[in-house]
């Protein structure tokens, strides 16, 4: 194979984490009064048209799943926090 035609491929499996907000989602979920379970969060998201089951929420919190921008916005609304807060800003 001629290296002039080789296109480098991003190796996502080498990344240690796939999102930067998973831990903050868990923190917001557990700090809610009353605390919100992963299944409850999935239900709240479903009510907004975002289909994520409890397993997907768990993978997000473990930083094993990417998030789309619209998912981040919906999660922030469901947990009554800002997108900026999820990203670690005040």
C-alpha atoms as a PDB file:
ATOM      1  CA  UNK A   1       0.000   0.000   0.000  1.00  0.00           C
ATOM      2  CA  UNK A   2       1.344   3.409  -0.947  1.00  0.00           C
ATOM      3  CA  UNK A   3       1.612   5.587   2.173  1.00  0.00           C
ATOM      4  CA  UNK A   4       0.647   8.667   0.143  1.00  0.00           C
ATOM      5  CA  UNK A   5      -2.890   7.261   0.073  1.00  0.00           C
ATOM      6  CA  UNK A   6      -3.029   6.183   3.703  1.00  0.00           C
ATOM      7  CA  UNK A   7      -5.546   8.179   5.718  1.00  0.00           C
ATOM      8  CA  UNK A   8      -4.946   8.093   9.476  1.00  0.00           C
ATOM      9  CA  UNK A   9      -7.910   6.883  11.492  1.00  0.00           C
ATOM     10  CA  UNK A  10      -8.660   8.241  14.939  1.00  0.00           C
ATOM     11  CA  UNK A  11      -8.330   5.405  17.415  1.00  0.00           C
ATOM     12  CA  UNK A  12     -11.123   6.148  19.881  1.00  0.00           C
ATOM     13  CA  UNK A  13     -10.659   2.882  21.745  1.00  0.00           C
ATOM     14  CA  UNK A  14      -7.329   4.218  23.003  1.00  0.00           C
ATOM     15  CA  UNK A  15      -8.962   7.115  24.821  1.00  0.00           C
ATOM     16  CA  UNK A  16      -9.205   6.623  28.561  1.00  0.00           C
ATOM     17  CA  UNK A  17     -12.607   8.319  28.706  1.00  0.00           C
ATOM     18  CA  UNK A  18     -15.155   9.259  26.101  1.00  0.00           C
ATOM     19  CA  UNK A  19     -16.746  12.242  27.796  1.00  0.00           C
ATOM     20  CA  UNK A  20     -15.779  14.821  30.372  1.00  0.00           C
ATOM     21  CA  UNK A  21     -19.150  15.255  32.062  1.00  0.00           C
ATOM     22  CA  UNK A  22     -20.111  11.748  33.168  1.00  0.00           C
ATOM     23  CA  UNK A  23     -18.965  12.257  36.739  1.00  0.00           C
ATOM     24  CA  UNK A  24     -20.798  15.584  36.979  1.00  0.00           C
ATOM     25  CA  UNK A  25     -24.006  13.971  35.708  1.00  0.00           C
ATOM     26  CA  UNK A  26     -23.777  11.401  38.483  1.00  0.00           C
ATOM     27  CA  UNK A  27     -23.032  14.140  41.029  1.00  0.00           C
ATOM     28  CA  UNK A  28     -26.037  16.225  39.931  1.00  0.00           C
ATOM     29  CA  UNK A  29     -28.288  13.177  39.878  1.00  0.00           C
ATOM     30  CA  UNK A  30     -27.365  12.155  43.416  1.00  0.00           C
ATOM     31  CA  UNK A  31     -27.471  15.710  44.827  1.00  0.00           C
ATOM     32  CA  UNK A  32     -31.022  16.262  43.583  1.00  0.00           C
ATOM     33  CA  UNK A  33     -33.700  16.360  46.266  1.00  0.00           C
ATOM     34  CA  UNK A  34     -34.824  13.599  46.196  1.00  0.00           C
ATOM     35  CA  UNK A  35     -31.968  11.865  44.387  1.00  0.00           C
ATOM     36  CA  UNK A  36     -32.709  10.846  40.799  1.00  0.00           C
ATOM     37  CA  UNK A  37     -32.002   7.236  39.833  1.00  0.00           C
ATOM     38  CA  UNK A  38     -30.440   6.378  36.496  1.00  0.00           C
ATOM     39  CA  UNK A  39     -33.761   4.847  35.472  1.00  0.00           C
ATOM     40  CA  UNK A  40     -35.638   8.026  36.489  1.00  0.00           C
ATOM     41  CA  UNK A  41     -33.218  10.135  34.445  1.00  0.00           C
ATOM     42  CA  UNK A  42     -33.781   7.851  31.463  1.00  0.00           C
ATOM     43  CA  UNK A  43     -37.548   8.335  31.900  1.00  0.00           C
ATOM     44  CA  UNK A  44     -37.210  12.127  32.104  1.00  0.00           C
ATOM     45  CA  UNK A  45     -35.116  12.093  28.944  1.00  0.00           C
ATOM     46  CA  UNK A  46     -37.671   9.877  27.172  1.00  0.00           C
ATOM     47  CA  UNK A  47     -40.352  12.457  28.003  1.00  0.00           C
ATOM     48  CA  UNK A  48     -38.202  14.971  26.083  1.00  0.00           C
ATOM     49  CA  UNK A  49     -37.812  12.613  23.123  1.00  0.00           C
ATOM     50  CA  UNK A  50     -34.273  11.474  24.005  1.00  0.00           C
ATOM     51  CA  UNK A  51     -34.050   7.694  24.023  1.00  0.00           C
ATOM     52  CA  UNK A  52     -31.407   6.593  26.525  1.00  0.00           C
ATOM     53  CA  UNK A  53     -32.035   3.618  28.761  1.00  0.00           C
ATOM     54  CA  UNK A  54     -30.591   3.055  32.235  1.00  0.00           C
ATOM     55  CA  UNK A  55     -27.653   1.128  30.757  1.00  0.00           C
ATOM     56  CA  UNK A  56     -26.747   4.076  28.515  1.00  0.00           C
ATOM     57  CA  UNK A  57     -26.917   6.465  31.496  1.00  0.00           C
ATOM     58  CA  UNK A  58     -24.605   4.137  33.420  1.00  0.00           C
ATOM     59  CA  UNK A  59     -22.128   4.045  30.510  1.00  0.00           C
ATOM     60  CA  UNK A  60     -22.224   7.846  30.303  1.00  0.00           C
ATOM     61  CA  UNK A  61     -21.477   8.176  34.013  1.00  0.00           C
ATOM     62  CA  UNK A  62     -18.584   5.717  33.676  1.00  0.00           C
ATOM     63  CA  UNK A  63     -17.322   7.857  30.778  1.00  0.00           C
ATOM     64  CA  UNK A  64     -17.624   4.938  28.364  1.00  0.00           C
ATOM     65  CA  UNK A  65     -20.186   6.542  26.040  1.00  0.00           C
ATOM     66  CA  UNK A  66     -20.007   9.659  23.925  1.00  0.00           C
ATOM     67  CA  UNK A  67     -22.752  12.256  24.228  1.00  0.00           C
ATOM     68  CA  UNK A  68     -24.299  14.314  21.502  1.00  0.00           C
ATOM     69  CA  UNK A  69     -24.766  18.027  22.226  1.00  0.00           C
ATOM     70  CA  UNK A  70     -28.556  17.707  22.315  1.00  0.00           C
ATOM     71  CA  UNK A  71     -28.233  14.884  24.877  1.00  0.00           C
ATOM     72  CA  UNK A  72     -26.063  17.080  27.116  1.00  0.00           C
ATOM     73  CA  UNK A  73     -28.597  19.917  26.893  1.00  0.00           C
ATOM     74  CA  UNK A  74     -31.497  17.585  27.740  1.00  0.00           C
ATOM     75  CA  UNK A  75     -29.646  15.991  30.663  1.00  0.00           C
ATOM     76  CA  UNK A  76     -28.825  19.434  32.064  1.00  0.00           C
ATOM     77  CA  UNK A  77     -32.515  20.420  31.896  1.00  0.00           C
ATOM     78  CA  UNK A  78     -33.657  17.177  33.487  1.00  0.00           C
ATOM     79  CA  UNK A  79     -31.214  17.604  36.368  1.00  0.00           C
ATOM     80  CA  UNK A  80     -31.813  21.374  36.673  1.00  0.00           C
ATOM     81  CA  UNK A  81     -28.172  22.305  36.163  1.00  0.00           C
ATOM     82  CA  UNK A  82     -26.465  24.264  33.415  1.00  0.00           C
ATOM     83  CA  UNK A  83     -24.481  22.749  30.582  1.00  0.00           C
ATOM     84  CA  UNK A  84     -21.569  24.889  31.810  1.00  0.00           C
ATOM     85  CA  UNK A  85     -21.850  23.303  35.272  1.00  0.00           C
ATOM     86  CA  UNK A  86     -21.739  19.830  33.711  1.00  0.00           C
ATOM     87  CA  UNK A  87     -18.490  20.878  32.048  1.00  0.00           C
ATOM     88  CA  UNK A  88     -17.024  21.913  35.398  1.00  0.00           C
ATOM     89  CA  UNK A  89     -17.607  25.644  35.114  1.00  0.00           C
ATOM     90  CA  UNK A  90     -19.350  27.674  37.799  1.00  0.00           C
END
